[in-house]
Amino acid sequence: MVAFCSLSINQDLGHDAVALALAAIPELIEVHTVSGSSDLMARIAARSNPDLQRVLDAMIATKTVLRASSVIVLNPHFQGRALNLLEAAAAMQRE
């Protein structure tokens, strides 16, 4: 299963220190600094709902994350569209 998680962090530590602490959790596939009400957005791979809870608990245990709010992917419609983007950019270059 894949989940996306909005994270509120300990601002005193800074984004880089938080990202470094989170990098030790292998189920975190991506972590991005974002605008809006949260500080970071993470993409998580988990085997089940209980496994997702374990990963969320591991993030909170780093003491760098104050709050985590997650959503579970029910059905991916498309992903990893880098080739489409490259083809579109190449077509624009030819124009």
PDB file of N, CA and C in Angstrom:
ATOM      1  N   MET A   1       0.828  -1.166   0.000  1.00  0.00           N
ATOM      2  CA  MET A   1       0.000   0.000   0.000  1.00  0.00           C
ATOM      3  C   MET A   1       0.877   1.234   0.000  1.00  0.00           C
ATOM      4  N   VAL A   2       0.344   2.291  -0.549  1.00  0.00           N
ATOM      5  CA  VAL A   2       1.032   3.582  -0.557  1.00  0.00           C
ATOM      6  C   VAL A   2       0.170   4.578   0.201  1.00  0.00           C
ATOM      7  N   ALA A   3       0.812   5.411   0.999  1.00  0.00           N
ATOM      8  CA  ALA A   3       0.119   6.472   1.718  1.00  0.00           C
ATOM      9  C   ALA A   3       0.913   7.755   1.559  1.00  0.00           C
ATOM     10  N   PHE A   4       0.203   8.859   1.590  1.00  0.00           N
ATOM     11  CA  PHE A   4       0.828  10.173   1.632  1.00  0.00           C
ATOM     12  C   PHE A   4       0.573  10.748   3.009  1.00  0.00           C
ATOM     13  N   CYS A   5       1.579  11.431   3.539  1.00  0.00           N
ATOM     14  CA  CYS A   5       1.490  11.907   4.907  1.00  0.00           C
ATOM     15  C   CYS A   5       1.969  13.352   4.990  1.00  0.00           C
ATOM     16  N   SER A   6       1.117  14.211   5.547  1.00  0.00           N
ATOM     17  CA  SER A   6       1.497  15.598   5.828  1.00  0.00           C
ATOM     18  C   SER A   6       2.117  15.630   7.219  1.00  0.00           C
ATOM     19  N   LEU A   7       3.267  16.265   7.326  1.00  0.00           N
ATOM     20  CA  LEU A   7       3.997  16.289   8.587  1.00  0.00           C
ATOM     21  C   LEU A   7       4.181  17.707   9.087  1.00  0.00           C
ATOM     22  N   SER A   8       3.912  17.908  10.357  1.00  0.00           N
ATOM     23  CA  SER A   8       4.267  19.148  11.041  1.00  0.00           C
ATOM     24  C   SER A   8       5.510  18.828  11.864  1.00  0.00           C
ATOM     25  N   ILE A   9       6.524  19.663  11.734  1.00  0.00           N
ATOM     26  CA  ILE A   9       7.820  19.341  12.335  1.00  0.00           C
ATOM     27  C   ILE A   9       8.180  20.313  13.451  1.00  0.00           C
ATOM     28  N   ASN A  10       9.201  19.947  14.202  1.00  0.00           N
ATOM     29  CA  ASN A  10       9.799  20.835  15.194  1.00  0.00           C
ATOM     30  C   ASN A  10      10.601  21.884  14.425  1.00  0.00           C
ATOM     31  N   GLN A  11      10.063  23.073  14.317  1.00  0.00           N
ATOM     32  CA  GLN A  11      10.671  24.135  13.516  1.00  0.00           C
ATOM     33  C   GLN A  11      12.062  24.524  14.010  1.00  0.00           C
ATOM     34  N   ASP A  12      12.332  24.348  15.285  1.00  0.00           N
ATOM     35  CA  ASP A  12      13.643  24.721  15.837  1.00  0.00           C
ATOM     36  C   ASP A  12      14.767  23.886  15.239  1.00  0.00           C
ATOM     37  N   LEU A  13      14.449  22.687  14.764  1.00  0.00           N
ATOM     38  CA  LEU A  13      15.472  21.797  14.223  1.00  0.00           C
ATOM     39  C   LEU A  13      15.815  22.108  12.775  1.00  0.00           C
ATOM     40  N   GLY A  14      14.882  22.658  12.043  1.00  0.00           N
ATOM     41  CA  GLY A  14      15.099  22.933  10.617  1.00  0.00           C
ATOM     42  C   GLY A  14      14.746  21.731   9.756  1.00  0.00           C
ATOM     43  N   HIS A  15      14.383  21.997   8.522  1.00  0.00           N
ATOM     44  CA  HIS A  15      13.928  20.952   7.600  1.00  0.00           C
ATOM     45  C   HIS A  15      15.012  19.914   7.292  1.00  0.00           C
ATOM     46  N   ASP A  16      16.242  20.366   7.144  1.00  0.00           N
ATOM     47  CA  ASP A  16      17.317  19.432   6.787  1.00  0.00           C
ATOM     48  C   ASP A  16      17.567  18.408   7.895  1.00  0.00           C
ATOM     49  N   ALA A  17      17.554  18.846   9.145  1.00  0.00           N
ATOM     50  CA  ALA A  17      17.777  17.922  10.267  1.00  0.00           C
ATOM     51  C   ALA A  17      16.631  16.923  10.377  1.00  0.00           C
ATOM     52  N   VAL A  18      15.414  17.394  10.125  1.00  0.00           N
ATOM     53  CA  VAL A  18      14.262  16.497  10.172  1.00  0.00           C
ATOM     54  C   VAL A  18      14.365  15.471   9.049  1.00  0.00           C
ATOM     55  N   ALA A  19      14.686  15.932   7.845  1.00  0.00           N
ATOM     56  CA  ALA A  19      14.820  15.018   6.705  1.00  0.00           C
ATOM     57  C   ALA A  19      15.909  13.984   6.962  1.00  0.00           C
ATOM     58  N   LEU A  20      16.992  14.387   7.576  1.00  0.00           N
ATOM     59  CA  LEU A  20      18.072  13.451   7.901  1.00  0.00           C
ATOM     60  C   LEU A  20      17.589  12.384   8.888  1.00  0.00           C
ATOM     61  N   ALA A  21      16.826  12.785   9.893  1.00  0.00           N
ATOM     62  CA  ALA A  21      16.292  11.820  10.862  1.00  0.00           C
ATOM     63  C   ALA A  21      15.310  10.870  10.190  1.00  0.00           C
ATOM     64  N   LEU A  22      14.471  11.389   9.300  1.00  0.00           N
ATOM     65  CA  LEU A  22      13.476  10.561   8.623  1.00  0.00           C
ATOM     66  C   LEU A  22      14.104   9.625   7.593  1.00  0.00           C
ATOM     67  N   ALA A  23      15.260   9.988   7.071  1.00  0.00           N
ATOM     68  CA  ALA A  23      15.933   9.160   6.058  1.00  0.00           C
ATOM     69  C   ALA A  23      16.292   7.777   6.609  1.00  0.00           C
ATOM     70  N   ALA A  24      16.340   7.639   7.909  1.00  0.00           N
ATOM     71  CA  ALA A  24      16.665   6.347   8.519  1.00  0.00           C
ATOM     72  C   ALA A  24      15.489   5.369   8.471  1.00  0.00           C
ATOM     73  N   ILE A  25      14.321   5.840   8.061  1.00  0.00           N
ATOM     74  CA  ILE A  25      13.128   4.986   7.994  1.00  0.00           C
ATOM     75  C   ILE A  25      12.965   4.536   6.545  1.00  0.00           C
ATOM     76  N   PRO A  26      13.256   3.277   6.231  1.00  0.00           N
ATOM     77  CA  PRO A  26      13.293   2.834   4.832  1.00  0.00           C
ATOM     78  C   PRO A  26      11.947   2.894   4.110  1.00  0.00           C
ATOM     79  N   GLU A  27      10.850   2.866   4.834  1.00  0.00           N
ATOM     80  CA  GLU A  27       9.530   2.899   4.193  1.00  0.00           C
ATOM     81  C   GLU A  27       9.166   4.278   3.657  1.00  0.00           C
ATOM     82  N   LEU A  28       9.924   5.292   4.032  1.00  0.00           N
ATOM     83  CA  LEU A  28       9.699   6.628   3.497  1.00  0.00           C
ATOM     84  C   LEU A  28      10.367   6.711   2.128  1.00  0.00           C
ATOM     85  N   ILE A  29       9.555   6.720   1.094  1.00  0.00           N
ATOM     86  CA  ILE A  29      10.051   6.704  -0.276  1.00  0.00           C
ATOM     87  C   ILE A  29      10.478   8.095  -0.721  1.00  0.00           C
ATOM     88  N   GLU A  30       9.710   9.111  -0.322  1.00  0.00           N
ATOM     89  CA  GLU A  30       9.992  10.503  -0.678  1.00  0.00           C
ATOM     90  C   GLU A  30       9.627  11.392   0.502  1.00  0.00           C
ATOM     91  N   VAL A  31      10.361  12.466   0.665  1.00  0.00           N
ATOM     92  CA  VAL A  31      10.020  13.501   1.631  1.00  0.00           C
ATOM     93  C   VAL A  31      10.319  14.845   0.969  1.00  0.00           C
ATOM     94  N   HIS A  32       9.322  15.743   0.983  1.00  0.00           N
ATOM     95  CA  HIS A  32       9.438  17.050   0.334  1.00  0.00           C
ATOM     96  C   HIS A  32       9.019  18.149   1.301  1.00  0.00           C
ATOM     97  N   THR A  33       9.738  19.263   1.298  1.00  0.00           N
ATOM     98  CA  THR A  33       9.266  20.467   1.967  1.00  0.00           C
ATOM     99  C   THR A  33       8.164  21.045   1.093  1.00  0.00           C
ATOM    100  N   VAL A  34       7.044  21.429   1.718  1.00  0.00           N
ATOM    101  CA  VAL A  34       5.892  21.915   0.965  1.00  0.00           C
ATOM    102  C   VAL A  34       5.381  23.227   1.556  1.00  0.00           C
ATOM    103  N   SER A  35       4.585  23.920   0.764  1.00  0.00           N
ATOM    104  CA  SER A  35       3.891  25.098   1.257  1.00  0.00           C
ATOM    105  C   SER A  35       2.543  24.657   1.806  1.00  0.00           C
ATOM    106  N   GLY A  36       1.901  25.527   2.544  1.00  0.00           N
ATOM    107  CA  GLY A  36       0.586  25.195   3.082  1.00  0.00           C
ATOM    108  C   GLY A  36       0.626  24.978   4.580  1.00  0.00           C
ATOM    109  N   SER A  37      -0.349  24.241   5.084  1.00  0.00           N
ATOM    110  CA  SER A  37      -0.493  24.090   6.532  1.00  0.00           C
ATOM    111  C   SER A  37       0.487  23.085   7.143  1.00  0.00           C
ATOM    112  N   SER A  38       1.072  22.225   6.329  1.00  0.00           N
ATOM    113  CA  SER A  38       2.075  21.286   6.854  1.00  0.00           C
ATOM    114  C   SER A  38       3.463  21.706   6.393  1.00  0.00           C
ATOM    115  N   ASP A  39       4.466  21.096   6.984  1.00  0.00           N
ATOM    116  CA  ASP A  39       5.858  21.444   6.665  1.00  0.00           C
ATOM    117  C   ASP A  39       6.474  20.518   5.630  1.00  0.00           C
ATOM    118  N   LEU A  40       6.155  19.234   5.738  1.00  0.00           N
ATOM    119  CA  LEU A  40       6.712  18.227   4.838  1.00  0.00           C
ATOM    120  C   LEU A  40       5.598  17.328   4.321  1.00  0.00           C
ATOM    121  N   MET A  41       5.829  16.747   3.152  1.00  0.00           N
ATOM    122  CA  MET A  41       4.931  15.732   2.597  1.00  0.00           C
ATOM    123  C   MET A  41       5.787  14.500   2.346  1.00  0.00           C
ATOM    124  N   ALA A  42       5.296  13.356   2.817  1.00  0.00           N
ATOM    125  CA  ALA A  42       6.038  12.105   2.661  1.00  0.00           C
ATOM    126  C   ALA A  42       5.189  11.094   1.908  1.00  0.00           C
ATOM    127  N   ARG A  43       5.851  10.290   1.100  1.00  0.00           N
ATOM    128  CA  ARG A  43       5.191   9.137   0.471  1.00  0.00           C
ATOM    129  C   ARG A  43       5.728   7.901   1.170  1.00  0.00           C
ATOM    130  N   ILE A  44       4.817   7.060   1.624  1.00  0.00           N
ATOM    131  CA  ILE A  44       5.164   5.917   2.465  1.00  0.00           C
ATOM    132  C   ILE A  44       4.730   4.625   1.788  1.00  0.00           C
ATOM    133  N   ALA A  45       5.583   3.622   1.845  1.00  0.00           N
ATOM    134  CA  ALA A  45       5.224   2.263   1.421  1.00  0.00           C
ATOM    135  C   ALA A  45       5.016   1.435   2.680  1.00  0.00           C
ATOM    136  N   ALA A  46       3.869   0.752   2.755  1.00  0.00           N
ATOM    137  CA  ALA A  46       3.574  -0.081   3.922  1.00  0.00           C
ATOM    138  C   ALA A  46       2.889  -1.358   3.455  1.00  0.00           C
ATOM    139  N   ARG A  47       3.012  -2.404   4.238  1.00  0.00           N
ATOM    140  CA  ARG A  47       2.421  -3.698   3.883  1.00  0.00           C
ATOM    141  C   ARG A  47       0.947  -3.798   4.253  1.00  0.00           C
ATOM    142  N   SER A  48       0.513  -3.013   5.235  1.00  0.00           N
ATOM    143  CA  SER A  48      -0.853  -3.115   5.752  1.00  0.00           C
ATOM    144  C   SER A  48      -1.146  -1.873   6.588  1.00  0.00           C
ATOM    145  N   ASN A  49      -2.373  -1.753   7.055  1.00  0.00           N
ATOM    146  CA  ASN A  49      -2.709  -0.650   7.948  1.00  0.00           C
ATOM    147  C   ASN A  49      -1.882  -0.680   9.233  1.00  0.00           C
ATOM    148  N   PRO A  50      -1.737  -1.852   9.882  1.00  0.00           N
ATOM    149  CA  PRO A  50      -0.881  -1.878  11.076  1.00  0.00           C
ATOM    150  C   PRO A  50       0.578  -1.510  10.762  1.00  0.00           C
ATOM    151  N   ASP A  51       1.061  -1.896   9.593  1.00  0.00           N
ATOM    152  CA  ASP A  51       2.426  -1.540   9.218  1.00  0.00           C
ATOM    153  C   ASP A  51       2.546  -0.036   8.998  1.00  0.00           C
ATOM    154  N   LEU A  52       1.535   0.568   8.396  1.00  0.00           N
ATOM    155  CA  LEU A  52       1.525   2.029   8.236  1.00  0.00           C
ATOM    156  C   LEU A  52       1.568   2.688   9.604  1.00  0.00           C
ATOM    157  N   GLN A  53       0.803   2.188  10.559  1.00  0.00           N
ATOM    158  CA  GLN A  53       0.826   2.746  11.908  1.00  0.00           C
ATOM    159  C   GLN A  53       2.218   2.647  12.514  1.00  0.00           C
ATOM    160  N   ARG A  54       2.905   1.522  12.267  1.00  0.00           N
ATOM    161  CA  ARG A  54       4.276   1.355  12.764  1.00  0.00           C
ATOM    162  C   ARG A  54       5.201   2.419  12.182  1.00  0.00           C
ATOM    163  N   VAL A  55       5.055   2.703  10.883  1.00  0.00           N
ATOM    164  CA  VAL A  55       5.890   3.720  10.237  1.00  0.00           C
ATOM    165  C   VAL A  55       5.566   5.105  10.791  1.00  0.00           C
ATOM    166  N   LEU A  56       4.286   5.410  10.953  1.00  0.00           N
ATOM    167  CA  LEU A  56       3.900   6.699  11.536  1.00  0.00           C
ATOM    168  C   LEU A  56       4.481   6.845  12.940  1.00  0.00           C
ATOM    169  N   ASP A  57       4.402   5.784  13.726  1.00  0.00           N
ATOM    170  CA  ASP A  57       4.979   5.804  15.078  1.00  0.00           C
ATOM    171  C   ASP A  57       6.491   6.021  15.030  1.00  0.00           C
ATOM    172  N   ALA A  58       7.144   5.410  14.050  1.00  0.00           N
ATOM    173  CA  ALA A  58       8.603   5.581  13.911  1.00  0.00           C
ATOM    174  C   ALA A  58       8.954   7.028  13.583  1.00  0.00           C
ATOM    175  N   MET A  59       8.134   7.680  12.766  1.00  0.00           N
ATOM    176  CA  MET A  59       8.385   9.087  12.440  1.00  0.00           C
ATOM    177  C   MET A  59       8.237   9.958  13.685  1.00  0.00           C
ATOM    178  N   ILE A  60       7.184   9.729  14.454  1.00  0.00           N
ATOM    179  CA  ILE A  60       6.964  10.506  15.673  1.00  0.00           C
ATOM    180  C   ILE A  60       8.072  10.231  16.693  1.00  0.00           C
ATOM    181  N   ALA A  61       8.564   9.002  16.728  1.00  0.00           N
ATOM    182  CA  ALA A  61       9.614   8.621  17.680  1.00  0.00           C
ATOM    183  C   ALA A  61      10.930   9.348  17.430  1.00  0.00           C
ATOM    184  N   THR A  62      11.122   9.901  16.229  1.00  0.00           N
ATOM    185  CA  THR A  62      12.354  10.647  15.958  1.00  0.00           C
ATOM    186  C   THR A  62      12.412  11.947  16.751  1.00  0.00           C
ATOM    187  N   LYS A  63      11.275  12.353  17.312  1.00  0.00           N
ATOM    188  CA  LYS A  63      11.161  13.622  18.053  1.00  0.00           C
ATOM    189  C   LYS A  63      11.344  14.836  17.147  1.00  0.00           C
ATOM    190  N   THR A  64      11.366  14.627  15.847  1.00  0.00           N
ATOM    191  CA  THR A  64      11.461  15.741  14.902  1.00  0.00           C
ATOM    192  C   THR A  64      10.101  16.060  14.297  1.00  0.00           C
ATOM    193  N   VAL A  65       9.184  15.096  14.336  1.00  0.00           N
ATOM    194  CA  VAL A  65       7.841  15.267  13.788  1.00  0.00           C
ATOM    195  C   VAL A  65       6.872  15.444  14.946  1.00  0.00           C
ATOM    196  N   LEU A  66       6.097  16.521  14.899  1.00  0.00           N
ATOM    197  CA  LEU A  66       5.138  16.800  15.961  1.00  0.00           C
ATOM    198  C   LEU A  66       3.768  16.195  15.669  1.00  0.00           C
ATOM    199  N   ARG A  67       3.387  16.186  14.385  1.00  0.00           N
ATOM    200  CA  ARG A  67       2.068  15.675  14.000  1.00  0.00           C
ATOM    201  C   ARG A  67       2.153  15.106  12.599  1.00  0.00           C
ATOM    202  N   ALA A  68       1.439  14.002  12.385  1.00  0.00           N
ATOM    203  CA  ALA A  68       1.379  13.359  11.070  1.00  0.00           C
ATOM    204  C   ALA A  68      -0.080  13.106  10.716  1.00  0.00           C
ATOM    205  N   SER A  69      -0.449  13.443   9.496  1.00  0.00           N
ATOM    206  CA  SER A  69      -1.806  13.190   8.998  1.00  0.00           C
ATOM    207  C   SER A  69      -1.672  12.452   7.677  1.00  0.00           C
ATOM    208  N   SER A  70      -2.230  11.244   7.605  1.00  0.00           N
ATOM    209  CA  SER A  70      -2.002  10.416   6.417  1.00  0.00           C
ATOM    210  C   SER A  70      -3.284  10.124   5.660  1.00  0.00           C
ATOM    211  N   VAL A  71      -3.106   9.860   4.371  1.00  0.00           N
ATOM    212  CA  VAL A  71      -4.177   9.375   3.498  1.00  0.00           C
ATOM    213  C   VAL A  71      -3.637   8.157   2.769  1.00  0.00           C
ATOM    214  N   ILE A  72      -4.487   7.154   2.609  1.00  0.00           N
ATOM    215  CA  ILE A  72      -4.097   5.904   1.970  1.00  0.00           C
ATOM    216  C   ILE A  72      -4.544   5.933   0.506  1.00  0.00           C
ATOM    217  N   VAL A  73      -3.658   5.511  -0.384  1.00  0.00           N
ATOM    218  CA  VAL A  73      -3.999   5.417  -1.798  1.00  0.00           C
ATOM    219  C   VAL A  73      -4.892   4.200  -1.995  1.00  0.00           C
ATOM    220  N   LEU A  74      -6.077   4.433  -2.542  1.00  0.00           N
ATOM    221  CA  LEU A  74      -7.005   3.338  -2.802  1.00  0.00           C
ATOM    222  C   LEU A  74      -6.807   2.752  -4.194  1.00  0.00           C
ATOM    223  N   ASN A  75      -6.582   3.625  -5.179  1.00  0.00           N
ATOM    224  CA  ASN A  75      -6.454   3.174  -6.556  1.00  0.00           C
ATOM    225  C   ASN A  75      -5.610   4.169  -7.338  1.00  0.00           C
ATOM    226  N   PRO A  76      -4.388   3.827  -7.708  1.00  0.00           N
ATOM    227  CA  PRO A  76      -3.584   4.758  -8.517  1.00  0.00           C
ATOM    228  C   PRO A  76      -4.089   4.771  -9.955  1.00  0.00           C
ATOM    229  N   HIS A  77      -4.253   5.959 -10.509  1.00  0.00           N
ATOM    230  CA  HIS A  77      -4.717   6.084 -11.890  1.00  0.00           C
ATOM    231  C   HIS A  77      -3.554   6.199 -12.864  1.00  0.00           C
ATOM    232  N   PHE A  78      -2.521   6.906 -12.504  1.00  0.00           N
ATOM    233  CA  PHE A  78      -1.256   6.899 -13.238  1.00  0.00           C
ATOM    234  C   PHE A  78      -0.182   7.446 -12.316  1.00  0.00           C
ATOM    235  N   GLN A  79       1.047   7.069 -12.598  1.00  0.00           N
ATOM    236  CA  GLN A  79       2.179   7.521 -11.791  1.00  0.00           C
ATOM    237  C   GLN A  79       3.459   7.379 -12.596  1.00  0.00           C
ATOM    238  N   GLY A  80       4.494   8.035 -12.154  1.00  0.00           N
ATOM    239  CA  GLY A  80       5.796   7.931 -12.816  1.00  0.00           C
ATOM    240  C   GLY A  80       5.761   8.330 -14.275  1.00  0.00           C
ATOM    241  N   ARG A  81       5.175   9.480 -14.576  1.00  0.00           N
ATOM    242  CA  ARG A  81       4.966   9.889 -15.956  1.00  0.00           C
ATOM    243  C   ARG A  81       6.138  10.695 -16.512  1.00  0.00           C
ATOM    244  N   ALA A  82       7.330  10.421 -16.129  1.00  0.00           N
ATOM    245  CA  ALA A  82       8.491  11.184 -16.586  1.00  0.00           C
ATOM    246  C   ALA A  82       8.659  11.103 -18.102  1.00  0.00           C
ATOM    247  N   LEU A  83       8.406   9.952 -18.702  1.00  0.00           N
ATOM    248  CA  LEU A  83       8.557   9.812 -20.145  1.00  0.00           C
ATOM    249  C   LEU A  83       7.612  10.753 -20.879  1.00  0.00           C
ATOM    250  N   ASN A  84       6.358  10.852 -20.431  1.00  0.00           N
ATOM    251  CA  ASN A  84       5.405  11.770 -21.061  1.00  0.00           C
ATOM    252  C   ASN A  84       5.905  13.205 -20.986  1.00  0.00           C
ATOM    253  N   LEU A  85       6.454  13.584 -19.852  1.00  0.00           N
ATOM    254  CA  LEU A  85       6.980  14.933 -19.670  1.00  0.00           C
ATOM    255  C   LEU A  85       8.157  15.191 -20.602  1.00  0.00           C
ATOM    256  N   LEU A  86       9.051  14.237 -20.722  1.00  0.00           N
ATOM    257  CA  LEU A  86      10.208  14.386 -21.608  1.00  0.00           C
ATOM    258  C   LEU A  86       9.778  14.477 -23.066  1.00  0.00           C
ATOM    259  N   GLU A  87       8.812  13.665 -23.462  1.00  0.00           N
ATOM    260  CA  GLU A  87       8.317  13.718 -24.842  1.00  0.00           C
ATOM    261  C   GLU A  87       7.660  15.060 -25.138  1.00  0.00           C
ATOM    262  N   ALA A  88       6.898  15.586 -24.193  1.00  0.00           N
ATOM    263  CA  ALA A  88       6.267  16.897 -24.386  1.00  0.00           C
ATOM    264  C   ALA A  88       7.317  18.001 -24.495  1.00  0.00           C
ATOM    265  N   ALA A  89       8.362  17.925 -23.673  1.00  0.00           N
ATOM    266  CA  ALA A  89       9.431  18.930 -23.726  1.00  0.00           C
ATOM    267  C   ALA A  89      10.173  18.844 -25.052  1.00  0.00           C
ATOM    268  N   ALA A  90      10.413  17.639 -25.535  1.00  0.00           N
ATOM    269  CA  ALA A  90      11.095  17.462 -26.819  1.00  0.00           C
ATOM    270  C   ALA A  90      10.247  18.021 -27.965  1.00  0.00           C
ATOM    271  N   ALA A  91       8.950  17.811 -27.905  1.00  0.00           N
ATOM    272  CA  ALA A  91       8.047  18.328 -28.941  1.00  0.00           C
ATOM    273  C   ALA A  91       8.065  19.851 -28.953  1.00  0.00           C
ATOM    274  N   MET A  92       8.136  20.466 -27.782  1.00  0.00           N
ATOM    275  CA  MET A  92       8.192  21.936 -27.697  1.00  0.00           C
ATOM    276  C   MET A  92       9.503  22.455 -28.264  1.00  0.00           C
ATOM    277  N   GLN A  93      10.577  21.713 -28.076  1.00  0.00           N
ATOM    278  CA  GLN A  93      11.895  22.107 -28.607  1.00  0.00           C
ATOM    279  C   GLN A  93      11.878  22.116 -30.134  1.00  0.00           C
ATOM    280  N   ARG A  94      11.147  21.180 -30.712  1.00  0.00           N
ATOM    281  CA  ARG A  94      11.104  21.060 -32.177  1.00  0.00           C
ATOM    282  C   ARG A  94      10.267  22.166 -32.816  1.00  0.00           C
ATOM    283  N   GLU A  95       9.372  22.776 -32.053  1.00  0.00           N
ATOM    284  CA  GLU A  95       8.484  23.816 -32.605  1.00  0.00           C
ATOM    285  C   GLU A  95       9.209  25.094 -32.877  1.00  0.00           C
TER     286      GLU A  95
END
